[in-house]
Amino acid sequence: MNKLTPSQQSIAKVVLSDVLQALSQQNTLTTLMLNSHQIIKVFRISPRELSVLRQHNAIPFTRQKRVFYYNPLDILDFLTRTNYLN
């Protein structure tokens, strides 16, 4: 990951804290995959924004049946690389 600005660092800390909280609610800290609803809540993006990013292959994801899963670190990396968090 590139060097982050101080504001991006503070956002990253909050996001990672939210990710760990979401994972602990799932009772699994071994799998770093969150579903769409969790990603929307943690990263505070709209469902449409997430859908567009997925459709343009801007973010990696997996799909199991009708549910999309994302690695939160991949999402954080994309958002900081594109200065989306500023």
N, C-alpha and C. Protein backbone atom coordinates (compact mmCIF):
# COMPACT_ATOMS: atom_id res chain seq x y z
N MET A 1 0.84 -1.17 0.00
CA MET A 1 0.00 0.00 0.00
C MET A 1 0.89 1.24 0.00
N ASN A 2 0.49 2.27 -0.69
CA ASN A 2 1.24 3.51 -0.72
C ASN A 2 1.17 4.21 0.63
N LYS A 3 2.06 5.21 0.81
CA LYS A 3 2.01 5.98 2.04
C LYS A 3 0.69 6.71 2.12
N LEU A 4 0.13 6.71 3.31
CA LEU A 4 -1.16 7.36 3.51
C LEU A 4 -0.97 8.71 4.18
N THR A 5 -1.86 9.62 3.86
CA THR A 5 -1.85 10.91 4.54
C THR A 5 -2.37 10.70 5.96
N PRO A 6 -2.13 11.64 6.86
CA PRO A 6 -2.64 11.48 8.22
C PRO A 6 -4.15 11.25 8.28
N SER A 7 -4.92 11.94 7.44
CA SER A 7 -6.37 11.73 7.47
C SER A 7 -6.73 10.33 6.96
N GLN A 8 -6.01 9.84 5.95
CA GLN A 8 -6.26 8.49 5.46
C GLN A 8 -5.87 7.46 6.51
N GLN A 9 -4.79 7.72 7.25
CA GLN A 9 -4.39 6.80 8.31
C GLN A 9 -5.46 6.70 9.39
N SER A 10 -6.04 7.83 9.77
CA SER A 10 -7.07 7.78 10.80
C SER A 10 -8.32 7.07 10.28
N ILE A 11 -8.65 7.29 9.01
CA ILE A 11 -9.79 6.60 8.41
C ILE A 11 -9.52 5.10 8.36
N ALA A 12 -8.29 4.73 7.97
CA ALA A 12 -7.93 3.32 7.89
C ALA A 12 -8.06 2.64 9.26
N LYS A 13 -7.65 3.33 10.32
CA LYS A 13 -7.76 2.76 11.67
C LYS A 13 -9.22 2.52 12.03
N VAL A 14 -10.08 3.48 11.72
CA VAL A 14 -11.50 3.34 12.02
C VAL A 14 -12.10 2.19 11.22
N VAL A 15 -11.74 2.12 9.95
CA VAL A 15 -12.28 1.07 9.08
C VAL A 15 -11.84 -0.30 9.57
N LEU A 16 -10.57 -0.44 9.89
CA LEU A 16 -10.08 -1.73 10.36
C LEU A 16 -10.74 -2.12 11.68
N SER A 17 -10.98 -1.15 12.53
CA SER A 17 -11.70 -1.41 13.78
C SER A 17 -13.11 -1.91 13.49
N ASP A 18 -13.79 -1.25 12.54
CA ASP A 18 -15.14 -1.67 12.16
C ASP A 18 -15.14 -3.06 11.54
N VAL A 19 -14.11 -3.36 10.75
CA VAL A 19 -14.00 -4.69 10.14
C VAL A 19 -13.85 -5.76 11.21
N LEU A 20 -12.97 -5.51 12.15
CA LEU A 20 -12.78 -6.49 13.23
C LEU A 20 -14.05 -6.67 14.05
N GLN A 21 -14.77 -5.59 14.27
CA GLN A 21 -16.03 -5.69 15.00
C GLN A 21 -17.04 -6.52 14.21
N ALA A 22 -17.14 -6.29 12.90
CA ALA A 22 -18.06 -7.06 12.06
C ALA A 22 -17.68 -8.53 12.05
N LEU A 23 -16.39 -8.81 11.98
CA LEU A 23 -15.94 -10.21 11.98
C LEU A 23 -16.20 -10.88 13.32
N SER A 24 -16.02 -10.15 14.40
CA SER A 24 -16.26 -10.75 15.71
C SER A 24 -17.74 -11.06 15.91
N GLN A 25 -18.61 -10.27 15.28
CA GLN A 25 -20.05 -10.56 15.35
C GLN A 25 -20.38 -11.83 14.59
N GLN A 26 -19.56 -12.16 13.58
CA GLN A 26 -19.75 -13.39 12.83
C GLN A 26 -19.16 -14.58 13.57
N ASN A 27 -18.45 -14.32 14.65
CA ASN A 27 -17.75 -15.37 15.40
C ASN A 27 -16.68 -16.06 14.57
N THR A 28 -16.06 -15.33 13.68
CA THR A 28 -14.96 -15.90 12.91
C THR A 28 -13.95 -14.81 12.59
N LEU A 29 -12.76 -14.97 13.11
CA LEU A 29 -11.69 -14.03 12.81
C LEU A 29 -10.70 -14.64 11.82
N THR A 30 -10.99 -15.85 11.36
CA THR A 30 -10.08 -16.50 10.43
C THR A 30 -10.38 -16.11 8.99
N THR A 31 -11.60 -15.78 8.68
CA THR A 31 -11.99 -15.44 7.32
C THR A 31 -12.14 -13.93 7.22
N LEU A 32 -11.37 -13.32 6.34
CA LEU A 32 -11.45 -11.87 6.18
C LEU A 32 -12.32 -11.52 4.98
N MET A 33 -13.50 -12.09 4.94
CA MET A 33 -14.42 -11.79 3.85
C MET A 33 -15.70 -11.24 4.46
N LEU A 34 -16.15 -10.11 3.92
CA LEU A 34 -17.39 -9.50 4.37
C LEU A 34 -18.38 -9.47 3.22
N ASN A 35 -19.66 -9.57 3.55
CA ASN A 35 -20.67 -9.49 2.50
C ASN A 35 -20.94 -8.03 2.13
N SER A 36 -21.77 -7.82 1.14
CA SER A 36 -22.04 -6.47 0.63
C SER A 36 -22.58 -5.55 1.71
N HIS A 37 -23.51 -6.04 2.51
CA HIS A 37 -24.10 -5.20 3.56
C HIS A 37 -23.05 -4.74 4.56
N GLN A 38 -22.14 -5.62 4.92
CA GLN A 38 -21.09 -5.26 5.86
C GLN A 38 -20.12 -4.26 5.25
N ILE A 39 -19.76 -4.44 3.99
CA ILE A 39 -18.86 -3.51 3.31
C ILE A 39 -19.49 -2.12 3.23
N ILE A 40 -20.76 -2.06 2.90
CA ILE A 40 -21.48 -0.79 2.81
C ILE A 40 -21.47 -0.08 4.17
N LYS A 41 -21.70 -0.83 5.22
CA LYS A 41 -21.73 -0.25 6.57
C LYS A 41 -20.34 0.21 7.02
N VAL A 42 -19.35 -0.62 6.82
CA VAL A 42 -18.00 -0.32 7.29
C VAL A 42 -17.37 0.83 6.52
N PHE A 43 -17.49 0.81 5.20
CA PHE A 43 -16.82 1.82 4.38
C PHE A 43 -17.71 3.02 4.06
N ARG A 44 -18.96 2.94 4.50
CA ARG A 44 -19.90 4.05 4.32
C ARG A 44 -20.03 4.46 2.85
N ILE A 45 -20.25 3.46 2.00
CA ILE A 45 -20.51 3.73 0.59
C ILE A 45 -21.92 3.22 0.28
N SER A 46 -22.49 3.72 -0.79
CA SER A 46 -23.86 3.32 -1.12
C SER A 46 -23.85 1.95 -1.81
N PRO A 47 -24.98 1.26 -1.76
CA PRO A 47 -25.08 -0.02 -2.46
C PRO A 47 -24.80 0.14 -3.96
N ARG A 48 -25.25 1.24 -4.52
CA ARG A 48 -25.03 1.49 -5.96
C ARG A 48 -23.54 1.65 -6.26
N GLU A 49 -22.83 2.41 -5.41
CA GLU A 49 -21.39 2.58 -5.63
C GLU A 49 -20.68 1.24 -5.59
N LEU A 50 -21.03 0.40 -4.64
CA LEU A 50 -20.40 -0.91 -4.54
C LEU A 50 -20.72 -1.75 -5.78
N SER A 51 -21.95 -1.69 -6.23
CA SER A 51 -22.34 -2.43 -7.42
C SER A 51 -21.57 -1.97 -8.65
N VAL A 52 -21.43 -0.67 -8.82
CA VAL A 52 -20.69 -0.14 -9.97
C VAL A 52 -19.23 -0.57 -9.92
N LEU A 53 -18.62 -0.50 -8.74
CA LEU A 53 -17.21 -0.91 -8.60
C LEU A 53 -17.06 -2.39 -8.97
N ARG A 54 -18.02 -3.19 -8.54
CA ARG A 54 -17.98 -4.62 -8.84
C ARG A 54 -18.17 -4.85 -10.34
N GLN A 55 -19.13 -4.17 -10.97
CA GLN A 55 -19.42 -4.36 -12.39
C GLN A 55 -18.24 -3.94 -13.27
N HIS A 56 -17.47 -2.95 -12.82
CA HIS A 56 -16.31 -2.49 -13.59
C HIS A 56 -15.03 -3.23 -13.21
N ASN A 57 -15.17 -4.27 -12.41
CA ASN A 57 -14.03 -5.06 -11.93
C ASN A 57 -12.97 -4.20 -11.27
N ALA A 58 -13.39 -3.15 -10.61
CA ALA A 58 -12.46 -2.27 -9.91
C ALA A 58 -12.05 -2.85 -8.57
N ILE A 59 -12.87 -3.74 -8.05
CA ILE A 59 -12.58 -4.38 -6.76
C ILE A 59 -12.77 -5.89 -6.91
N PRO A 60 -11.91 -6.66 -6.26
CA PRO A 60 -12.06 -8.12 -6.32
C PRO A 60 -13.21 -8.58 -5.42
N PHE A 61 -13.87 -9.63 -5.82
CA PHE A 61 -14.97 -10.19 -5.04
C PHE A 61 -15.13 -11.66 -5.38
N THR A 62 -15.85 -12.35 -4.54
CA THR A 62 -16.27 -13.72 -4.84
C THR A 62 -17.78 -13.77 -4.67
N ARG A 63 -18.37 -14.75 -5.31
CA ARG A 63 -19.82 -14.89 -5.23
C ARG A 63 -20.15 -16.32 -4.86
N GLN A 64 -20.96 -16.45 -3.84
CA GLN A 64 -21.46 -17.76 -3.45
C GLN A 64 -22.98 -17.68 -3.47
N LYS A 65 -23.56 -18.42 -4.37
CA LYS A 65 -25.00 -18.36 -4.65
C LYS A 65 -25.35 -16.93 -5.01
N ARG A 66 -26.16 -16.24 -4.22
CA ARG A 66 -26.58 -14.87 -4.57
C ARG A 66 -25.91 -13.82 -3.70
N VAL A 67 -24.87 -14.20 -2.97
CA VAL A 67 -24.20 -13.28 -2.04
C VAL A 67 -22.79 -12.99 -2.52
N PHE A 68 -22.44 -11.69 -2.55
CA PHE A 68 -21.10 -11.27 -2.91
C PHE A 68 -20.28 -11.09 -1.64
N TYR A 69 -19.01 -11.51 -1.69
CA TYR A 69 -18.09 -11.36 -0.56
C TYR A 69 -16.85 -10.61 -1.02
N TYR A 70 -16.31 -9.82 -0.10
CA TYR A 70 -15.16 -8.98 -0.41
C TYR A 70 -14.15 -9.08 0.72
N ASN A 71 -12.88 -8.97 0.35
CA ASN A 71 -11.83 -8.84 1.36
C ASN A 71 -11.76 -7.36 1.72
N PRO A 72 -12.01 -7.00 2.97
CA PRO A 72 -12.03 -5.58 3.33
C PRO A 72 -10.70 -4.87 3.08
N LEU A 73 -9.60 -5.60 3.15
CA LEU A 73 -8.30 -4.97 2.89
C LEU A 73 -8.16 -4.60 1.42
N ASP A 74 -8.76 -5.39 0.52
CA ASP A 74 -8.76 -5.04 -0.90
C ASP A 74 -9.57 -3.77 -1.14
N ILE A 75 -10.70 -3.65 -0.46
CA ILE A 75 -11.56 -2.47 -0.61
C ILE A 75 -10.84 -1.23 -0.07
N LEU A 76 -10.23 -1.37 1.10
CA LEU A 76 -9.50 -0.25 1.69
C LEU A 76 -8.35 0.18 0.78
N ASP A 77 -7.63 -0.79 0.22
CA ASP A 77 -6.54 -0.47 -0.70
C ASP A 77 -7.05 0.29 -1.92
N PHE A 78 -8.15 -0.17 -2.50
CA PHE A 78 -8.71 0.52 -3.66
C PHE A 78 -9.13 1.95 -3.31
N LEU A 79 -9.81 2.11 -2.20
CA LEU A 79 -10.31 3.43 -1.82
C LEU A 79 -9.19 4.41 -1.52
N THR A 80 -8.10 3.93 -0.92
CA THR A 80 -6.97 4.84 -0.64
C THR A 80 -6.15 5.12 -1.91
N ARG A 81 -5.99 4.13 -2.78
CA ARG A 81 -5.25 4.34 -4.03
C ARG A 81 -5.94 5.35 -4.94
N THR A 82 -7.25 5.36 -4.92
CA THR A 82 -8.01 6.24 -5.80
C THR A 82 -8.39 7.54 -5.10
N ASN A 83 -7.88 7.75 -3.90
CA ASN A 83 -8.20 8.94 -3.10
C ASN A 83 -9.69 9.11 -2.86
N TYR A 84 -10.42 8.00 -2.86
CA TYR A 84 -11.85 8.03 -2.62
C TYR A 84 -12.17 8.50 -1.20
N LEU A 85 -11.24 8.23 -0.27
CA LEU A 85 -11.48 8.55 1.13
C LEU A 85 -11.24 10.01 1.47
N ASN A 86 -10.74 10.79 0.55
CA ASN A 86 -10.47 12.22 0.83
C ASN A 86 -11.72 13.04 0.69
